[in-house]
N, C-alpha and C. Protein backbone atom coordinates (compact mmCIF):
# COMPACT_ATOMS: atom_id res chain seq x y z
N UNK A 1 59.81 1.41 180.67
CA UNK A 1 58.97 2.42 181.20
C UNK A 1 59.69 3.75 181.14
N UNK A 2 58.96 4.65 180.65
CA UNK A 2 59.57 5.97 180.51
C UNK A 2 59.31 6.78 181.74
N UNK A 3 60.32 7.55 182.05
CA UNK A 3 60.15 8.45 183.19
C UNK A 3 59.54 9.76 182.71
N UNK A 4 58.42 10.05 183.23
CA UNK A 4 57.79 11.32 182.90
C UNK A 4 58.21 12.35 183.94
N UNK A 5 58.45 13.60 183.47
CA UNK A 5 58.81 14.61 184.47
C UNK A 5 57.62 14.90 185.38
N UNK A 6 57.97 15.15 186.58
CA UNK A 6 56.93 15.46 187.56
C UNK A 6 56.40 16.87 187.29
N UNK A 7 55.17 16.96 187.35
CA UNK A 7 54.54 18.26 187.14
C UNK A 7 54.05 18.79 188.46
N UNK A 8 54.48 20.01 188.74
CA UNK A 8 54.08 20.64 189.99
C UNK A 8 52.73 21.30 189.74
N UNK A 9 51.87 21.06 190.62
CA UNK A 9 50.55 21.64 190.48
C UNK A 9 50.54 23.03 191.11
N UNK A 10 50.54 23.99 190.24
CA UNK A 10 50.52 25.39 190.70
C UNK A 10 49.62 26.14 189.73
N UNK A 11 48.61 26.84 190.23
CA UNK A 11 47.71 27.52 189.32
C UNK A 11 48.40 28.64 188.55
N UNK A 12 49.41 29.27 189.11
CA UNK A 12 50.08 30.37 188.42
C UNK A 12 50.97 29.88 187.30
N UNK A 13 51.42 28.66 187.37
CA UNK A 13 52.30 28.13 186.33
C UNK A 13 51.57 27.99 185.01
N UNK A 14 50.28 27.82 185.06
CA UNK A 14 49.50 27.70 183.84
C UNK A 14 49.17 29.06 183.22
N UNK A 15 49.25 30.13 183.98
CA UNK A 15 48.86 31.46 183.49
C UNK A 15 49.96 32.50 183.76
N UNK A 16 51.10 32.42 183.12
CA UNK A 16 52.15 33.40 183.39
C UNK A 16 51.78 34.81 182.90
N UNK A 17 51.04 34.93 181.83
CA UNK A 17 50.66 36.26 181.32
C UNK A 17 49.71 36.98 182.27
N UNK A 18 48.89 36.23 182.96
CA UNK A 18 47.95 36.82 183.90
C UNK A 18 48.70 37.45 185.07
N UNK A 19 49.76 36.81 185.52
CA UNK A 19 50.53 37.36 186.64
C UNK A 19 51.24 38.65 186.23
N UNK A 20 51.75 38.71 185.04
CA UNK A 20 52.40 39.94 184.57
C UNK A 20 51.39 41.08 184.46
N UNK A 21 50.21 40.77 183.97
CA UNK A 21 49.17 41.79 183.85
C UNK A 21 48.74 42.29 185.22
N UNK A 22 48.60 41.39 186.16
CA UNK A 22 48.21 41.78 187.51
C UNK A 22 49.29 42.63 188.17
N UNK A 23 50.55 42.25 187.96
CA UNK A 23 51.67 43.02 188.53
C UNK A 23 51.75 44.42 187.91
N UNK A 24 51.53 44.51 186.60
CA UNK A 24 51.53 45.81 185.92
C UNK A 24 50.41 46.70 186.42
N UNK A 25 49.24 46.12 186.63
CA UNK A 25 48.10 46.90 187.15
C UNK A 25 48.38 47.39 188.57
N UNK A 26 49.02 46.54 189.37
CA UNK A 26 49.36 46.92 190.73
C UNK A 26 50.37 48.06 190.75
N UNK A 27 51.38 48.00 189.91
CA UNK A 27 52.38 49.07 189.83
C UNK A 27 51.75 50.37 189.33
N UNK A 28 50.88 50.27 188.32
CA UNK A 28 50.21 51.46 187.80
C UNK A 28 49.33 52.11 188.87
N UNK A 29 48.63 51.30 189.65
CA UNK A 29 47.78 51.84 190.71
C UNK A 29 48.64 52.52 191.78
N UNK A 30 49.78 51.92 192.11
CA UNK A 30 50.67 52.52 193.11
C UNK A 30 51.23 53.85 192.62
N UNK A 31 51.60 53.92 191.35
CA UNK A 31 52.13 55.17 190.80
C UNK A 31 51.06 56.26 190.78
N UNK A 32 49.84 55.89 190.44
CA UNK A 32 48.76 56.88 190.45
C UNK A 32 48.49 57.40 191.85
N UNK A 33 48.56 56.51 192.83
CA UNK A 33 48.36 56.95 194.21
C UNK A 33 49.48 57.88 194.66
N UNK A 34 50.71 57.54 194.28
CA UNK A 34 51.83 58.39 194.66
C UNK A 34 51.78 59.75 193.95
N UNK A 35 51.37 59.74 192.70
CA UNK A 35 51.27 61.00 191.96
C UNK A 35 50.18 61.89 192.54
N UNK A 36 49.11 61.29 193.00
CA UNK A 36 48.02 62.07 193.58
C UNK A 36 48.37 62.63 194.94
N UNK A 37 49.36 62.08 195.59
CA UNK A 37 49.74 62.53 196.93
C UNK A 37 50.88 63.53 196.91
N UNK A 38 51.30 64.01 195.75
CA UNK A 38 52.39 64.96 195.72
C UNK A 38 51.97 66.25 196.42
N UNK A 39 52.90 66.83 197.07
CA UNK A 39 52.65 68.06 197.79
C UNK A 39 52.81 69.24 196.85
N UNK A 40 51.92 70.19 196.92
CA UNK A 40 52.07 71.38 196.08
C UNK A 40 52.84 72.44 196.86
N UNK A 41 53.71 73.12 196.15
CA UNK A 41 54.57 74.12 196.77
C UNK A 41 54.18 75.50 196.27
N UNK A 42 54.39 76.49 197.09
CA UNK A 42 54.14 77.87 196.69
C UNK A 42 55.21 78.31 195.71
N UNK A 43 54.90 79.26 194.82
CA UNK A 43 55.93 79.73 193.89
C UNK A 43 57.06 80.42 194.63
N UNK A 44 58.24 80.37 194.02
CA UNK A 44 59.42 80.98 194.64
C UNK A 44 59.29 82.50 194.63
N UNK A 45 59.65 83.12 195.71
CA UNK A 45 59.63 84.57 195.81
C UNK A 45 60.93 85.18 195.34
N UNK A 46 60.91 86.45 195.05
CA UNK A 46 62.12 87.16 194.63
C UNK A 46 63.03 87.37 195.83
N UNK A 47 64.31 87.30 195.57
CA UNK A 47 65.25 87.53 196.66
C UNK A 47 65.57 89.02 196.74
N UNK A 48 66.02 89.50 197.87
CA UNK A 48 66.35 90.92 198.00
C UNK A 48 67.54 91.30 197.12
N UNK A 49 67.51 92.51 196.60
CA UNK A 49 68.59 93.00 195.74
C UNK A 49 69.77 93.40 196.63
N UNK A 50 70.96 92.84 196.40
CA UNK A 50 72.11 93.19 197.24
C UNK A 50 72.66 94.59 196.94
N UNK A 51 72.27 95.18 195.80
CA UNK A 51 72.74 96.53 195.47
C UNK A 51 71.63 97.52 195.81
N UNK A 52 71.92 98.39 196.75
CA UNK A 52 70.93 99.39 197.17
C UNK A 52 70.94 100.58 196.21
N UNK A 53 69.92 101.41 196.29
CA UNK A 53 69.80 102.55 195.39
C UNK A 53 71.01 103.47 195.45
N UNK A 54 71.60 103.64 196.62
CA UNK A 54 72.75 104.54 196.75
C UNK A 54 73.97 104.00 196.00
N UNK A 55 74.11 102.69 195.91
CA UNK A 55 75.26 102.07 195.26
C UNK A 55 75.04 101.83 193.77
N UNK A 56 73.82 102.01 193.30
CA UNK A 56 73.52 101.75 191.89
C UNK A 56 74.09 102.89 191.05
N UNK A 57 74.79 102.59 189.95
CA UNK A 57 75.41 103.67 189.17
C UNK A 57 74.37 104.53 188.45
N UNK A 58 74.71 105.80 188.25
CA UNK A 58 73.79 106.70 187.54
C UNK A 58 73.87 106.50 186.03
N UNK A 59 74.99 106.07 185.51
CA UNK A 59 75.11 105.75 184.09
C UNK A 59 75.32 104.24 184.00
N UNK A 60 74.33 103.56 183.41
CA UNK A 60 74.33 102.10 183.34
C UNK A 60 74.54 101.69 181.89
N UNK A 61 75.56 100.85 181.64
CA UNK A 61 75.78 100.30 180.30
C UNK A 61 75.29 98.86 180.31
N UNK A 62 74.58 98.48 179.25
CA UNK A 62 73.95 97.16 179.22
C UNK A 62 74.41 96.36 178.01
N UNK A 63 74.23 95.05 178.08
CA UNK A 63 74.43 94.12 176.97
C UNK A 63 75.83 94.21 176.36
N UNK A 64 76.84 94.16 177.20
CA UNK A 64 78.21 94.08 176.70
C UNK A 64 78.90 95.40 176.42
N UNK A 65 78.30 96.52 176.76
CA UNK A 65 78.94 97.82 176.51
C UNK A 65 79.82 98.29 177.68
N UNK A 66 79.90 97.53 178.73
CA UNK A 66 80.59 97.99 179.95
C UNK A 66 82.04 98.39 179.70
N UNK A 67 82.79 97.63 178.96
CA UNK A 67 84.20 97.97 178.72
C UNK A 67 84.42 98.78 177.47
N UNK A 68 83.36 99.16 176.77
CA UNK A 68 83.50 99.86 175.50
C UNK A 68 83.12 101.32 175.55
N UNK A 69 82.56 101.77 176.67
CA UNK A 69 82.13 103.17 176.80
C UNK A 69 82.67 103.72 178.12
N UNK A 70 83.25 104.92 178.04
CA UNK A 70 83.72 105.62 179.24
C UNK A 70 82.93 106.92 179.37
N UNK A 71 82.75 107.37 180.60
CA UNK A 71 82.00 108.60 180.82
C UNK A 71 82.82 109.60 181.60
N UNK A 72 82.47 110.86 181.45
CA UNK A 72 83.10 111.93 182.20
C UNK A 72 82.07 112.47 183.19
N UNK A 73 82.42 113.50 183.90
CA UNK A 73 81.55 114.09 184.92
C UNK A 73 80.28 114.65 184.28
N UNK A 74 79.08 114.21 184.71
CA UNK A 74 77.85 114.74 184.13
C UNK A 74 77.58 116.18 184.58
N UNK A 75 76.89 116.91 183.72
CA UNK A 75 76.50 118.29 184.03
C UNK A 75 75.00 118.27 184.36
N UNK A 76 74.66 118.68 185.57
CA UNK A 76 73.27 118.65 186.03
C UNK A 76 72.81 120.09 186.24
N UNK A 77 71.70 120.43 185.60
CA UNK A 77 71.13 121.77 185.73
C UNK A 77 69.71 121.65 186.25
N UNK A 78 69.43 122.37 187.33
CA UNK A 78 68.06 122.39 187.82
C UNK A 78 67.85 123.64 188.66
N UNK A 79 66.65 124.09 188.65
CA UNK A 79 66.21 125.23 189.45
C UNK A 79 64.80 124.91 189.93
N UNK A 80 64.31 125.71 190.86
CA UNK A 80 62.98 125.45 191.42
C UNK A 80 61.88 125.60 190.39
N UNK A 81 62.05 126.49 189.43
CA UNK A 81 60.99 126.75 188.47
C UNK A 81 61.17 125.98 187.15
N UNK A 82 62.28 125.22 186.99
CA UNK A 82 62.52 124.47 185.75
C UNK A 82 62.79 123.01 186.08
N UNK A 83 62.42 122.08 185.18
CA UNK A 83 62.75 120.67 185.41
C UNK A 83 64.26 120.42 185.30
N UNK A 84 64.70 119.38 185.94
CA UNK A 84 66.11 119.00 185.92
C UNK A 84 66.50 118.55 184.51
N UNK A 85 67.70 118.94 184.08
CA UNK A 85 68.26 118.46 182.82
C UNK A 85 69.68 117.98 183.08
N UNK A 86 70.06 116.91 182.37
CA UNK A 86 71.35 116.27 182.58
C UNK A 86 72.02 116.07 181.24
N UNK A 87 73.33 116.34 181.19
CA UNK A 87 74.16 116.06 180.01
C UNK A 87 75.34 115.22 180.48
N UNK A 88 75.50 114.06 179.83
CA UNK A 88 76.57 113.14 180.20
C UNK A 88 77.53 113.00 179.02
N UNK A 89 78.81 113.41 179.18
CA UNK A 89 79.80 113.17 178.12
C UNK A 89 80.26 111.72 178.17
N UNK A 90 80.13 111.02 177.05
CA UNK A 90 80.58 109.63 176.97
C UNK A 90 81.49 109.48 175.75
N UNK A 91 82.42 108.52 175.85
CA UNK A 91 83.36 108.29 174.76
C UNK A 91 83.39 106.81 174.43
N UNK A 92 83.40 106.53 173.12
CA UNK A 92 83.50 105.16 172.65
C UNK A 92 84.96 104.76 172.62
N UNK A 93 85.31 103.63 173.22
CA UNK A 93 86.72 103.24 173.37
C UNK A 93 87.24 102.33 172.27
N UNK A 94 86.39 101.92 171.34
CA UNK A 94 86.81 100.99 170.28
C UNK A 94 87.13 101.74 169.00
N UNK A 95 87.66 101.01 168.02
CA UNK A 95 88.06 101.62 166.75
C UNK A 95 86.93 101.74 165.74
N UNK A 96 85.82 101.08 165.94
CA UNK A 96 84.70 101.15 165.00
C UNK A 96 83.59 102.05 165.52
N UNK A 97 82.65 102.34 164.64
CA UNK A 97 81.47 103.11 165.06
C UNK A 97 80.64 102.28 166.03
N UNK A 98 79.94 102.96 166.92
CA UNK A 98 79.02 102.29 167.83
C UNK A 98 77.64 102.90 167.64
N UNK A 99 76.67 102.08 167.35
CA UNK A 99 75.28 102.50 167.24
C UNK A 99 74.63 102.13 168.57
N UNK A 100 74.27 103.14 169.34
CA UNK A 100 73.72 102.89 170.67
C UNK A 100 72.37 103.60 170.82
N UNK A 101 71.66 103.18 171.85
CA UNK A 101 70.43 103.84 172.27
C UNK A 101 70.60 104.21 173.73
N UNK A 102 70.00 105.32 174.13
CA UNK A 102 70.07 105.73 175.53
C UNK A 102 68.74 106.34 175.94
N UNK A 103 68.52 106.35 177.25
CA UNK A 103 67.35 107.01 177.80
C UNK A 103 67.67 107.48 179.21
N UNK A 104 66.98 108.52 179.62
CA UNK A 104 67.15 109.06 180.96
C UNK A 104 65.90 108.77 181.77
N UNK A 105 66.12 108.32 182.99
CA UNK A 105 65.04 108.11 183.96
C UNK A 105 65.20 109.17 185.04
N UNK A 106 64.11 109.79 185.43
CA UNK A 106 64.15 110.79 186.49
C UNK A 106 63.27 110.33 187.64
N UNK A 107 63.73 110.62 188.88
CA UNK A 107 63.06 110.13 190.07
C UNK A 107 62.64 111.28 190.97
N UNK A 108 61.50 111.10 191.62
CA UNK A 108 61.00 112.09 192.56
C UNK A 108 61.63 111.94 193.93
N UNK A 109 61.21 112.75 194.90
CA UNK A 109 61.80 112.70 196.24
C UNK A 109 61.62 111.36 196.96
N UNK A 110 60.57 110.63 196.61
CA UNK A 110 60.33 109.33 197.26
C UNK A 110 61.02 108.18 196.53
N UNK A 111 61.77 108.45 195.46
CA UNK A 111 62.49 107.42 194.71
C UNK A 111 61.68 106.80 193.59
N UNK A 112 60.45 107.24 193.41
CA UNK A 112 59.59 106.68 192.37
C UNK A 112 59.92 107.34 191.03
N UNK A 113 59.98 106.55 189.94
CA UNK A 113 60.24 107.14 188.63
C UNK A 113 59.11 108.09 188.23
N UNK A 114 59.52 109.23 187.67
CA UNK A 114 58.53 110.22 187.24
C UNK A 114 58.01 109.94 185.84
N UNK A 115 58.84 109.42 184.98
CA UNK A 115 58.40 109.04 183.63
C UNK A 115 58.45 107.52 183.56
N UNK A 116 57.29 106.90 183.39
CA UNK A 116 57.18 105.44 183.50
C UNK A 116 58.00 104.69 182.46
N UNK A 117 57.91 105.07 181.21
CA UNK A 117 58.62 104.35 180.15
C UNK A 117 59.18 105.36 179.15
N UNK A 118 60.31 105.97 179.49
CA UNK A 118 60.86 106.97 178.56
C UNK A 118 61.33 106.33 177.26
N UNK A 119 61.26 107.10 176.20
CA UNK A 119 61.65 106.60 174.88
C UNK A 119 63.17 106.49 174.76
N UNK A 120 63.61 105.50 174.01
CA UNK A 120 65.03 105.33 173.73
C UNK A 120 65.42 106.28 172.60
N UNK A 121 66.55 106.94 172.74
CA UNK A 121 67.09 107.85 171.73
C UNK A 121 68.27 107.16 171.03
N UNK A 122 68.42 107.42 169.76
CA UNK A 122 69.51 106.83 168.98
C UNK A 122 70.71 107.76 168.97
N UNK A 123 71.91 107.19 169.05
CA UNK A 123 73.14 107.98 168.98
C UNK A 123 74.22 107.17 168.27
N UNK A 124 74.85 107.78 167.27
CA UNK A 124 76.01 107.17 166.62
C UNK A 124 77.25 107.70 167.31
N UNK A 125 78.06 106.78 167.82
CA UNK A 125 79.30 107.17 168.50
C UNK A 125 80.47 106.86 167.58
N UNK A 126 81.24 107.90 167.18
CA UNK A 126 82.39 107.66 166.30
C UNK A 126 83.50 106.92 167.04
N UNK A 127 84.43 106.31 166.31
CA UNK A 127 85.51 105.58 166.97
C UNK A 127 86.35 106.52 167.84
N UNK A 128 86.51 106.13 169.07
CA UNK A 128 87.30 106.87 170.06
C UNK A 128 86.85 108.33 170.20
N UNK A 129 85.62 108.60 169.80
CA UNK A 129 85.11 109.98 169.86
C UNK A 129 84.15 110.19 171.02
N UNK A 130 83.97 111.44 171.39
CA UNK A 130 83.11 111.82 172.50
C UNK A 130 81.80 112.38 171.96
N UNK A 131 80.72 111.99 172.61
CA UNK A 131 79.39 112.54 172.33
C UNK A 131 78.77 112.94 173.65
N UNK A 132 77.72 113.75 173.58
CA UNK A 132 77.04 114.24 174.78
C UNK A 132 75.60 113.74 174.76
N UNK A 133 75.25 112.95 175.76
CA UNK A 133 73.89 112.43 175.88
C UNK A 133 73.12 113.35 176.82
N UNK A 134 71.96 113.83 176.38
CA UNK A 134 71.19 114.80 177.17
C UNK A 134 69.78 114.30 177.39
N UNK A 135 69.26 114.65 178.55
CA UNK A 135 67.87 114.33 178.88
C UNK A 135 67.34 115.35 179.86
N UNK A 136 66.03 115.52 179.86
CA UNK A 136 65.39 116.48 180.76
C UNK A 136 64.15 115.85 181.38
N UNK A 137 63.92 116.16 182.63
CA UNK A 137 62.73 115.66 183.32
C UNK A 137 61.51 116.39 182.80
N UNK A 138 60.37 115.77 182.98
CA UNK A 138 59.12 116.40 182.55
C UNK A 138 58.44 117.14 183.70
N UNK A 139 58.91 116.94 184.92
CA UNK A 139 58.32 117.59 186.09
C UNK A 139 59.41 118.29 186.89
N UNK A 140 59.02 119.30 187.63
CA UNK A 140 59.98 120.06 188.43
C UNK A 140 60.31 119.36 189.74
N UNK A 141 59.64 118.26 190.05
CA UNK A 141 59.88 117.56 191.32
C UNK A 141 61.02 116.55 191.24
N UNK A 142 61.69 116.43 190.09
CA UNK A 142 62.78 115.47 189.94
C UNK A 142 63.96 115.85 190.82
N UNK A 143 64.49 114.86 191.56
CA UNK A 143 65.64 115.09 192.42
C UNK A 143 66.81 114.17 192.09
N UNK A 144 66.57 113.13 191.30
CA UNK A 144 67.64 112.20 190.95
C UNK A 144 67.40 111.70 189.52
N UNK A 145 68.44 111.09 188.93
CA UNK A 145 68.37 110.66 187.55
C UNK A 145 69.21 109.42 187.34
N UNK A 146 68.99 108.77 186.19
CA UNK A 146 69.78 107.63 185.77
C UNK A 146 69.77 107.59 184.25
N UNK A 147 70.91 107.26 183.66
CA UNK A 147 71.03 107.13 182.21
C UNK A 147 71.36 105.68 181.88
N UNK A 148 70.58 105.08 180.96
CA UNK A 148 70.82 103.72 180.52
C UNK A 148 71.28 103.75 179.07
N UNK A 149 72.35 103.00 178.77
CA UNK A 149 72.90 102.95 177.42
C UNK A 149 72.95 101.48 177.01
N UNK A 150 72.42 101.18 175.81
CA UNK A 150 72.43 99.81 175.29
C UNK A 150 72.79 99.83 173.81
N UNK A 151 73.24 98.71 173.25
CA UNK A 151 73.47 98.66 171.80
C UNK A 151 72.16 98.90 171.06
N UNK A 152 72.27 99.48 169.88
CA UNK A 152 71.08 99.78 169.09
C UNK A 152 70.39 98.48 168.69
N UNK A 153 69.09 98.44 168.81
CA UNK A 153 68.32 97.24 168.47
C UNK A 153 68.21 97.04 166.96
N UNK A 154 68.10 98.13 166.23
CA UNK A 154 67.99 98.07 164.78
C UNK A 154 69.19 98.83 164.22
N UNK A 155 70.02 98.15 163.49
CA UNK A 155 71.21 98.78 162.92
C UNK A 155 70.79 99.74 161.81
N UNK A 156 71.18 100.99 161.92
CA UNK A 156 70.86 101.99 160.91
C UNK A 156 72.08 102.12 160.01
N UNK A 157 71.94 101.70 158.78
CA UNK A 157 73.03 101.73 157.82
C UNK A 157 72.63 102.68 156.70
N UNK A 158 73.44 103.70 156.43
CA UNK A 158 73.09 104.62 155.34
C UNK A 158 73.16 103.91 153.99
N UNK A 159 72.28 104.31 153.08
CA UNK A 159 72.28 103.73 151.74
C UNK A 159 73.45 104.30 150.95
N UNK A 160 74.07 103.46 150.15
CA UNK A 160 75.17 103.91 149.31
C UNK A 160 74.61 104.62 148.08
N UNK A 161 75.28 105.67 147.71
CA UNK A 161 74.90 106.38 146.50
C UNK A 161 75.57 105.74 145.30
N UNK A 162 74.85 105.72 144.22
CA UNK A 162 75.44 105.22 142.98
C UNK A 162 76.27 106.33 142.34
N UNK A 163 77.44 105.97 141.92
CA UNK A 163 78.29 106.95 141.28
C UNK A 163 77.89 107.18 139.81
N UNK A 164 77.43 106.12 139.20
CA UNK A 164 77.03 106.21 137.81
C UNK A 164 75.61 105.67 137.64
N UNK A 165 74.90 106.29 136.77
CA UNK A 165 73.55 105.80 136.47
C UNK A 165 73.64 104.70 135.44
N UNK A 166 72.75 103.78 135.54
CA UNK A 166 72.73 102.69 134.57
C UNK A 166 71.83 102.99 133.42
């Protein structure tokens, strides 16, 4: 007589794939419920600027020019009947030419800019040479100013002349 293995009568033992499918559906339903219950958050607000207007420099160098440009005392001219004009002597501290752009911002008595988007001016700075950056307000109510200097966005390279014609 042969010994037959005992078979346990369990309905799940006959359908293992059904149990996996049911478990997957249960997990998917739980994840959907959890995803639907996520809390929405308000967007992050801007933090206060630790540098106040009084401490902000009047000549600002941007994009890596901080250690490459030095400035001297600016010359400020203004009268009641004429707009303010400013001339800032700056010197390039490196051995190569510097192609820079600059612009002047002028502010009224309440601190609001008088010219919304002033145009950038191009300036070639010779090696270790001094140049004078000048700007003038468009209104007579200007009481303060700021000069921004950045590297030139488009490199201006002069065309070479041919020595001989072909």
